[in-house]
Structures are given as structure tokens and as C-alpha cells.
Protein backbone atom coordinates (compact mmCIF):
# COMPACT_ATOMS: atom_id res chain seq x y z
CA UNK A 1 -12.68 55.79 16.96
CA UNK A 2 -11.65 59.39 17.72
CA UNK A 3 -11.45 61.28 14.59
CA UNK A 4 -8.51 63.95 14.18
CA UNK A 5 -8.38 67.22 13.83
CA UNK A 6 -5.97 69.35 11.94
CA UNK A 7 -3.25 70.98 13.66
CA UNK A 8 -1.94 74.25 12.00
CA UNK A 9 2.01 73.90 11.60
CA UNK A 10 3.06 76.91 12.39
CA UNK A 11 2.02 76.39 15.68
CA UNK A 12 3.85 72.77 16.00
CA UNK A 13 6.63 72.86 13.54
CA UNK A 14 10.07 75.68 13.44
CA UNK A 15 9.28 78.03 10.25
CA UNK A 16 11.93 77.34 8.61
CA UNK A 17 10.35 73.83 8.38
CA UNK A 18 7.27 75.42 7.47
CA UNK A 19 8.38 77.56 4.35
CA UNK A 20 10.19 74.52 3.37
CA UNK A 21 6.64 72.86 3.13
CA UNK A 22 5.37 76.00 1.23
CA UNK A 23 7.33 75.10 -1.39
CA UNK A 24 5.25 71.89 -2.09
CA UNK A 25 2.14 72.50 -0.64
CA UNK A 26 0.35 75.95 0.47
CA UNK A 27 -3.14 76.58 1.86
CA UNK A 28 -4.11 72.92 2.11
CA UNK A 29 -4.84 69.85 4.08
CA UNK A 30 -1.38 67.58 4.35
CA UNK A 31 -2.00 64.05 6.14
CA UNK A 32 1.12 63.22 7.73
CA UNK A 33 1.01 59.11 8.42
CA UNK A 34 2.18 58.08 12.32
CA UNK A 35 5.43 56.54 12.02
CA UNK A 36 4.30 53.62 13.23
CA UNK A 37 0.98 51.88 12.58
CA UNK A 38 -0.67 48.99 14.34
CA UNK A 39 -2.28 46.42 11.65
CA UNK A 40 -6.40 46.46 11.01
CA UNK A 41 -8.04 45.57 13.90
CA UNK A 42 -5.55 45.06 16.32
CA UNK A 43 -6.47 47.71 19.05
CA UNK A 44 -10.62 47.34 18.74
CA UNK A 45 -10.07 43.68 18.67
CA UNK A 46 -11.87 43.09 16.31
CA UNK A 47 -9.32 40.83 14.17
CA UNK A 48 -8.97 38.12 16.28
CA UNK A 49 -12.77 38.27 17.00
CA UNK A 50 -13.22 37.44 12.94
CA UNK A 51 -10.12 34.63 13.08
CA UNK A 52 -12.08 33.01 16.21
CA UNK A 53 -15.27 33.63 13.98
CA UNK A 54 -14.19 31.83 10.64
CA UNK A 55 -12.55 28.98 13.36
CA UNK A 56 -15.70 28.29 13.96
CA UNK A 57 -17.34 27.99 10.64
CA UNK A 58 -14.44 25.74 9.85
CA UNK A 59 -15.29 23.43 12.22
CA UNK A 60 -18.71 23.58 11.54
CA UNK A 61 -18.04 22.98 8.11
CA UNK A 62 -15.73 19.79 9.16
CA UNK A 63 -18.35 18.52 11.46
CA UNK A 64 -21.10 18.06 8.15
CA UNK A 65 -23.11 21.36 8.47
CA UNK A 66 -24.17 22.92 5.39
CA UNK A 67 -23.03 26.31 3.66
CA UNK A 68 -26.47 27.13 4.28
CA UNK A 69 -26.94 26.32 7.89
CA UNK A 70 -23.35 28.14 8.58
CA UNK A 71 -24.76 31.28 6.48
CA UNK A 72 -27.89 31.08 8.17
CA UNK A 73 -26.09 30.96 11.86
CA UNK A 74 -23.66 33.48 11.42
CA UNK A 75 -25.74 35.76 9.58
CA UNK A 76 -23.56 35.61 6.61
CA UNK A 77 -24.35 35.29 2.82
CA UNK A 78 -23.01 31.76 1.63
CA UNK A 79 -21.06 33.22 -1.04
CA UNK A 80 -18.55 34.98 2.14
CA UNK A 81 -18.91 31.84 3.77
CA UNK A 82 -18.15 29.72 0.81
CA UNK A 83 -14.66 32.47 0.29
CA UNK A 84 -13.90 31.67 4.38
CA UNK A 85 -13.92 28.19 3.70
């Protein structure tokens, strides 16, 4: 994950727009969100990994595995396993 840095508004925005923004906020950091965002874990692939892990947990339970066995295999608490199931 890359760290975000701030940019001086005067360096990237027209002066007229900077003056308009200053009517609302001045000498502060202002976060401007991206126009479009990908969902959580999409870029890193972690979402796909968690879905795959959870599918495996459900399959183990279907085959008769106990919550305790599943939690030990996946290094999760039994409560977390129950939530997944």
C-alpha cells in the first residue's frame, strides 16, 4: 500500500477555484476522494483469498469437521469460525 502525500492546491488548481475553496476551509488539509474506488481487497487479492478460505471452512464443516478443528487449522477463534459458518 502506498502512502498518500498532500499536494498544495495552488500548484494543481486554478486560482479561482482555490479562492472558492478558501471560502469553506483555509490552511487545513482537505481530503478529496477518488472519482471511482475499487472494493476492499480487490487490488491486493486478499478478498479473493478470504472467500476461498471461507469456502474451504464451510466444506470442512460439511464433511464433519468440528469448529475446534477448523479454528486450529486456520488459526481463527472458534467464534470467528461460527460467524463464517
